[in-house]
Amino acid sequence: MKTLVIVAHPNLETSVINKRWIEELQQYPEKYTIHELYKVYPDGRIDVQQEQQLIEAHDHLVLQFPFYWFSSPPLLKQWLDEVFTYGWAYGSKGDKLQQRKVALAVSAGIKEADYTEEGKYRYTLGQLLSPFETTFYYCDADYRPFFAFYGAEHEPAANELEQNAQNYLRFMDNL
C-alpha cells in the first residue's frame, strides 16, 4: 500500500511545517511517493496523462498544502481541474478514484481557535475544506478526515513541530 503525496507549496524552501512533513515522509520511500507540483511544473503546464498514471500507480492519495486565502495554492486548483477529467475521475466510465483513500494535509497559519463558529473567521477548517471533500465524494473516492497544523505563522517551537511531524506520520499510516 503506497501513498502518493501531492505537495503544492509555492515556496517550499521557506516552509517550516510542509518541509518538516516531507522530511518525515522521505524516511519511508517504500511507503510514500512525494510529488512536488511547483517543482515539477514551474511553468504551470501540467502533464495530465503523467499525473493520472502516477495516481493510478498508488493506493492512496494525499494533497498536502498551505491553506491561504481560505483555499489552496493556485497550482493545486489547476491540477485538480486538469487531472480529474470526465471519463477518468468521474462520469459513467470515470472510476479511477473510486474507493481510493484520499485525504488532505493542511498547514494553516491561523490558530485553531480562530477556526470555530465563534472565532474570528466564523467557520471551522473542516467547513472551509468542504469543496475538496465534495469533489472527492463526487468522484466516489473514500475521503478520510484531514490533518492540520494550526498557527504556522506564529513560528512553532521545535518540540511542537517534532510532535506534529510524528502525528502526521501516524495519520498517514492510518489512512
C-alpha atoms as a PDB file:
ATOM      1  CA  MET A   1       0.000   0.000   0.000  1.00  0.00           C
ATOM      2  CA  LYS A   2       1.854   3.071  -1.244  1.00  0.00           C
ATOM      3  CA  THR A   3       0.627   6.642  -0.827  1.00  0.00           C
ATOM      4  CA  LEU A   4       1.097   9.422  -3.350  1.00  0.00           C
ATOM      5  CA  VAL A   5       1.563  12.776  -1.612  1.00  0.00           C
ATOM      6  CA  ILE A   6       0.861  15.718  -3.906  1.00  0.00           C
ATOM      7  CA  VAL A   7       2.696  18.666  -2.358  1.00  0.00           C
ATOM      8  CA  ALA A   8       1.536  22.082  -3.546  1.00  0.00           C
ATOM      9  CA  HIS A   9       3.597  24.719  -1.790  1.00  0.00           C
ATOM     10  CA  PRO A  10       4.772  27.700  -3.876  1.00  0.00           C
ATOM     11  CA  ASN A  11       7.716  28.428  -1.535  1.00  0.00           C
ATOM     12  CA  LEU A  12       8.666  25.108  -0.030  1.00  0.00           C
ATOM     13  CA  GLU A  13      12.228  26.279   0.681  1.00  0.00           C
ATOM     14  CA  THR A  14      10.900  28.813   3.200  1.00  0.00           C
ATOM     15  CA  SER A  15       8.290  26.495   4.673  1.00  0.00           C
ATOM     16  CA  VAL A  16       8.595  25.224   8.213  1.00  0.00           C
ATOM     17  CA  ILE A  17       5.647  22.835   8.503  1.00  0.00           C
ATOM     18  CA  ASN A  18       5.355  21.400   5.000  1.00  0.00           C
ATOM     19  CA  LYS A  19       9.103  20.977   4.680  1.00  0.00           C
ATOM     20  CA  ARG A  20       9.220  19.123   8.028  1.00  0.00           C
ATOM     21  CA  TRP A  21       6.338  16.865   6.967  1.00  0.00           C
ATOM     22  CA  ILE A  22       8.192  15.982   3.764  1.00  0.00           C
ATOM     23  CA  GLU A  23      11.388  15.242   5.696  1.00  0.00           C
ATOM     24  CA  GLU A  24       9.449  12.834   7.871  1.00  0.00           C
ATOM     25  CA  LEU A  25       7.846  11.028   4.928  1.00  0.00           C
ATOM     26  CA  GLN A  26      11.136  10.819   2.986  1.00  0.00           C
ATOM     27  CA  GLN A  27      12.415   8.416   5.625  1.00  0.00           C
ATOM     28  CA  TYR A  28       9.974   5.828   4.236  1.00  0.00           C
ATOM     29  CA  PRO A  29      10.315   5.808   0.418  1.00  0.00           C
ATOM     30  CA  GLU A  30       8.789   2.351   0.293  1.00  0.00           C
ATOM     31  CA  LYS A  31       5.540   3.791   1.671  1.00  0.00           C
ATOM     32  CA  TYR A  32       5.351   7.346   0.278  1.00  0.00           C
ATOM     33  CA  THR A  33       5.949   8.998  -3.068  1.00  0.00           C
ATOM     34  CA  ILE A  34       6.350  12.750  -2.683  1.00  0.00           C
ATOM     35  CA  HIS A  35       5.372  14.721  -5.778  1.00  0.00           C
ATOM     36  CA  GLU A  36       6.068  18.470  -5.565  1.00  0.00           C
ATOM     37  CA  LEU A  37       3.856  20.261  -8.089  1.00  0.00           C
ATOM     38  CA  TYR A  38       5.683  23.603  -8.049  1.00  0.00           C
ATOM     39  CA  LYS A  39       8.991  21.826  -8.609  1.00  0.00           C
ATOM     40  CA  VAL A  40       7.711  19.600 -11.426  1.00  0.00           C
ATOM     41  CA  TYR A  41       5.594  22.293 -13.116  1.00  0.00           C
ATOM     42  CA  PRO A  42       7.282  25.680 -12.553  1.00  0.00           C
ATOM     43  CA  ASP A  43       5.643  26.903 -15.765  1.00  0.00           C
ATOM     44  CA  GLY A  44       2.185  25.627 -14.742  1.00  0.00           C
ATOM     45  CA  ARG A  45       1.939  23.296 -17.745  1.00  0.00           C
ATOM     46  CA  ILE A  46       0.641  20.053 -16.268  1.00  0.00           C
ATOM     47  CA  ASP A  47       1.160  16.706 -17.992  1.00  0.00           C
ATOM     48  CA  VAL A  48      -2.314  15.317 -17.339  1.00  0.00           C
ATOM     49  CA  GLN A  49      -1.638  11.790 -18.582  1.00  0.00           C
ATOM     50  CA  GLN A  50       1.511  11.505 -16.472  1.00  0.00           C
ATOM     51  CA  GLU A  51      -0.354  12.733 -13.382  1.00  0.00           C
ATOM     52  CA  GLN A  52      -3.212  10.304 -13.933  1.00  0.00           C
ATOM     53  CA  GLN A  53      -0.774   7.420 -14.339  1.00  0.00           C
ATOM     54  CA  LEU A  54       1.002   8.457 -11.156  1.00  0.00           C
ATOM     55  CA  ILE A  55      -2.271   8.396  -9.223  1.00  0.00           C
ATOM     56  CA  GLU A  56      -3.217   5.028 -10.711  1.00  0.00           C
ATOM     57  CA  ALA A  57       0.148   3.572  -9.621  1.00  0.00           C
ATOM     58  CA  HIS A  58      -0.628   4.316  -5.944  1.00  0.00           C
ATOM     59  CA  ASP A  59      -3.170   3.015  -3.465  1.00  0.00           C
ATOM     60  CA  HIS A  60      -3.832   6.264  -1.602  1.00  0.00           C
ATOM     61  CA  LEU A  61      -3.726   9.967  -2.432  1.00  0.00           C
ATOM     62  CA  VAL A  62      -2.947  12.842  -0.070  1.00  0.00           C
ATOM     63  CA  LEU A  63      -2.973  16.511  -1.038  1.00  0.00           C
ATOM     64  CA  GLN A  64      -0.555  18.469   1.157  1.00  0.00           C
ATOM     65  CA  PHE A  65      -0.598  22.260   1.018  1.00  0.00           C
ATOM     66  CA  PRO A  66      -0.593  25.503   2.975  1.00  0.00           C
ATOM     67  CA  PHE A  67      -4.073  26.893   3.466  1.00  0.00           C
ATOM     68  CA  TYR A  68      -4.109  30.534   2.466  1.00  0.00           C
ATOM     69  CA  TRP A  69      -6.830  32.873   1.323  1.00  0.00           C
ATOM     70  CA  PHE A  70      -9.105  30.129   2.657  1.00  0.00           C
ATOM     71  CA  SER A  71      -8.272  27.779  -0.186  1.00  0.00           C
ATOM     72  CA  SER A  72      -5.333  26.010  -1.805  1.00  0.00           C
ATOM     73  CA  PRO A  73      -2.404  27.375  -3.781  1.00  0.00           C
ATOM     74  CA  PRO A  74      -3.467  28.081  -7.383  1.00  0.00           C
ATOM     75  CA  LEU A  75      -1.407  25.293  -8.960  1.00  0.00           C
ATOM     76  CA  LEU A  76      -3.254  22.700  -6.869  1.00  0.00           C
ATOM     77  CA  LYS A  77      -6.624  24.020  -8.050  1.00  0.00           C
ATOM     78  CA  GLN A  78      -5.355  23.924 -11.635  1.00  0.00           C
ATOM     79  CA  TRP A  79      -4.067  20.385 -11.074  1.00  0.00           C
ATOM     80  CA  LEU A  80      -7.468  19.251  -9.817  1.00  0.00           C
ATOM     81  CA  ASP A  81      -9.261  20.921 -12.726  1.00  0.00           C
ATOM     82  CA  GLU A  82      -6.987  19.382 -15.340  1.00  0.00           C
ATOM     83  CA  VAL A  83      -6.228  15.937 -13.892  1.00  0.00           C
ATOM     84  CA  PHE A  84      -9.672  14.953 -12.593  1.00  0.00           C
ATOM     85  CA  THR A  85     -11.232  14.650 -16.025  1.00  0.00           C
ATOM     86  CA  TYR A  86     -14.590  13.336 -17.149  1.00  0.00           C
ATOM     87  CA  GLY A  87     -14.252   9.689 -18.077  1.00  0.00           C
ATOM     88  CA  TRP A  88     -11.254   9.286 -15.787  1.00  0.00           C
ATOM     89  CA  ALA A  89     -12.183  10.646 -12.340  1.00  0.00           C
ATOM     90  CA  TYR A  90     -15.954  10.866 -12.735  1.00  0.00           C
ATOM     91  CA  GLY A  91     -18.765  10.233 -15.211  1.00  0.00           C
ATOM     92  CA  SER A  92     -20.252   6.986 -16.456  1.00  0.00           C
ATOM     93  CA  LYS A  93     -16.788   5.494 -17.110  1.00  0.00           C
ATOM     94  CA  GLY A  94     -14.702   7.609 -14.750  1.00  0.00           C
ATOM     95  CA  ASP A  95     -13.707   5.261 -11.961  1.00  0.00           C
ATOM     96  CA  LYS A  96     -10.004   5.879 -11.295  1.00  0.00           C
ATOM     97  CA  LEU A  97     -10.637   7.497  -7.909  1.00  0.00           C
ATOM     98  CA  GLN A  98     -13.452   5.153  -6.967  1.00  0.00           C
ATOM     99  CA  GLN A  99     -12.946   3.888  -3.399  1.00  0.00           C
ATOM    100  CA  ARG A 100      -9.338   5.179  -3.413  1.00  0.00           C
ATOM    101  CA  LYS A 101      -8.483   6.564   0.027  1.00  0.00           C
ATOM    102  CA  VAL A 102      -7.812  10.282  -0.225  1.00  0.00           C
ATOM    103  CA  ALA A 103      -7.049  12.885   2.413  1.00  0.00           C
ATOM    104  CA  LEU A 104      -5.783  16.411   2.922  1.00  0.00           C
ATOM    105  CA  ALA A 105      -2.812  17.585   4.979  1.00  0.00           C
ATOM    106  CA  VAL A 106      -3.061  21.308   5.565  1.00  0.00           C
ATOM    107  CA  SER A 107      -0.849  23.830   7.282  1.00  0.00           C
ATOM    108  CA  ALA A 108      -2.877  26.786   8.478  1.00  0.00           C
ATOM    109  CA  GLY A 109      -1.190  29.987   9.561  1.00  0.00           C
ATOM    110  CA  ILE A 110      -4.098  30.925  11.776  1.00  0.00           C
ATOM    111  CA  LYS A 111      -4.637  29.492  15.250  1.00  0.00           C
ATOM    112  CA  GLU A 112      -7.219  26.760  15.716  1.00  0.00           C
ATOM    113  CA  ALA A 113      -9.396  28.915  17.985  1.00  0.00           C
ATOM    114  CA  ASP A 114      -9.976  31.300  15.078  1.00  0.00           C
ATOM    115  CA  TYR A 115     -11.365  28.395  13.026  1.00  0.00           C
ATOM    116  CA  THR A 116     -14.535  27.985  15.051  1.00  0.00           C
ATOM    117  CA  GLU A 117     -18.052  29.252  14.577  1.00  0.00           C
ATOM    118  CA  GLU A 118     -17.383  31.668  17.455  1.00  0.00           C
ATOM    119  CA  GLY A 119     -13.884  32.511  16.262  1.00  0.00           C
ATOM    120  CA  LYS A 120     -12.546  35.323  14.176  1.00  0.00           C
ATOM    121  CA  TYR A 121     -13.379  33.679  10.823  1.00  0.00           C
ATOM    122  CA  ARG A 122     -16.716  32.087  11.867  1.00  0.00           C
ATOM    123  CA  TYR A 123     -16.054  28.778  10.119  1.00  0.00           C
ATOM    124  CA  THR A 124     -14.196  25.635  11.051  1.00  0.00           C
ATOM    125  CA  LEU A 125     -11.319  24.458   8.893  1.00  0.00           C
ATOM    126  CA  GLY A 126     -13.428  21.432   8.006  1.00  0.00           C
ATOM    127  CA  GLN A 127     -16.200  23.677   6.715  1.00  0.00           C
ATOM    128  CA  LEU A 128     -13.724  25.674   4.646  1.00  0.00           C
ATOM    129  CA  LEU A 129     -12.235  22.484   3.207  1.00  0.00           C
ATOM    130  CA  SER A 130     -15.668  21.150   2.211  1.00  0.00           C
ATOM    131  CA  PRO A 131     -15.157  21.861  -1.541  1.00  0.00           C
ATOM    132  CA  PHE A 132     -12.308  19.320  -1.520  1.00  0.00           C
ATOM    133  CA  GLU A 133     -14.407  16.814   0.398  1.00  0.00           C
ATOM    134  CA  THR A 134     -17.302  17.314  -2.013  1.00  0.00           C
ATOM    135  CA  THR A 135     -15.001  16.893  -5.019  1.00  0.00           C
ATOM    136  CA  PHE A 136     -13.767  13.563  -3.714  1.00  0.00           C
ATOM    137  CA  TYR A 137     -17.273  12.387  -2.868  1.00  0.00           C
ATOM    138  CA  TYR A 138     -18.339  13.376  -6.385  1.00  0.00           C
ATOM    139  CA  CYS A 139     -15.559  11.149  -7.729  1.00  0.00           C
ATOM    140  CA  ASP A 140     -16.697   8.333  -5.398  1.00  0.00           C
ATOM    141  CA  ALA A 141     -13.376   8.328  -3.556  1.00  0.00           C
ATOM    142  CA  ASP A 142     -13.028   7.238   0.053  1.00  0.00           C
ATOM    143  CA  TYR A 143     -12.446  10.676   1.621  1.00  0.00           C
ATOM    144  CA  ARG A 144     -10.724  10.462   5.000  1.00  0.00           C
ATOM    145  CA  PRO A 145     -10.515  13.104   7.755  1.00  0.00           C
ATOM    146  CA  PHE A 146      -7.966  15.850   7.149  1.00  0.00           C
ATOM    147  CA  PHE A 147      -4.774  16.509   9.076  1.00  0.00           C
ATOM    148  CA  ALA A 148      -3.863  20.065  10.043  1.00  0.00           C
ATOM    149  CA  PHE A 149      -1.232  22.136  11.720  1.00  0.00           C
ATOM    150  CA  TYR A 150      -2.683  25.377  13.087  1.00  0.00           C
ATOM    151  CA  GLY A 151      -0.801  28.556  13.872  1.00  0.00           C
ATOM    152  CA  ALA A 152       2.080  28.106  11.420  1.00  0.00           C
ATOM    153  CA  GLU A 153       2.585  31.876  11.128  1.00  0.00           C
ATOM    154  CA  HIS A 154       3.479  32.020  14.838  1.00  0.00           C
ATOM    155  CA  GLU A 155       6.755  30.061  14.481  1.00  0.00           C
ATOM    156  CA  PRO A 156       6.095  26.814  16.328  1.00  0.00           C
ATOM    157  CA  ALA A 157       8.514  25.604  18.969  1.00  0.00           C
ATOM    158  CA  ALA A 158      10.859  22.793  17.938  1.00  0.00           C
ATOM    159  CA  ASN A 159       9.133  20.258  20.209  1.00  0.00           C
ATOM    160  CA  GLU A 160       5.696  21.238  18.842  1.00  0.00           C
ATOM    161  CA  LEU A 161       6.945  20.832  15.286  1.00  0.00           C
ATOM    162  CA  GLU A 162       8.527  17.477  16.057  1.00  0.00           C
ATOM    163  CA  GLN A 163       5.390  16.181  17.779  1.00  0.00           C
ATOM    164  CA  ASN A 164       3.248  17.310  14.859  1.00  0.00           C
ATOM    165  CA  ALA A 165       5.551  15.559  12.355  1.00  0.00           C
ATOM    166  CA  GLN A 166       5.169  12.320  14.339  1.00  0.00           C
ATOM    167  CA  ASN A 167       1.389  12.803  14.428  1.00  0.00           C
ATOM    168  CA  TYR A 168       1.422  13.368  10.668  1.00  0.00           C
ATOM    169  CA  LEU A 169       3.258  10.105  10.136  1.00  0.00           C
ATOM    170  CA  ARG A 170       0.718   8.257  12.289  1.00  0.00           C
ATOM    171  CA  PHE A 171      -2.103   9.928  10.334  1.00  0.00           C
ATOM    172  CA  MET A 172      -0.564   8.787   7.046  1.00  0.00           C
ATOM    173  CA  ASP A 173      -0.031   5.249   8.324  1.00  0.00           C
ATOM    174  CA  ASN A 174      -3.697   5.034   9.347  1.00  0.00           C
ATOM    175  CA  LEU A 175      -5.362   6.173   6.134  1.00  0.00           C
END
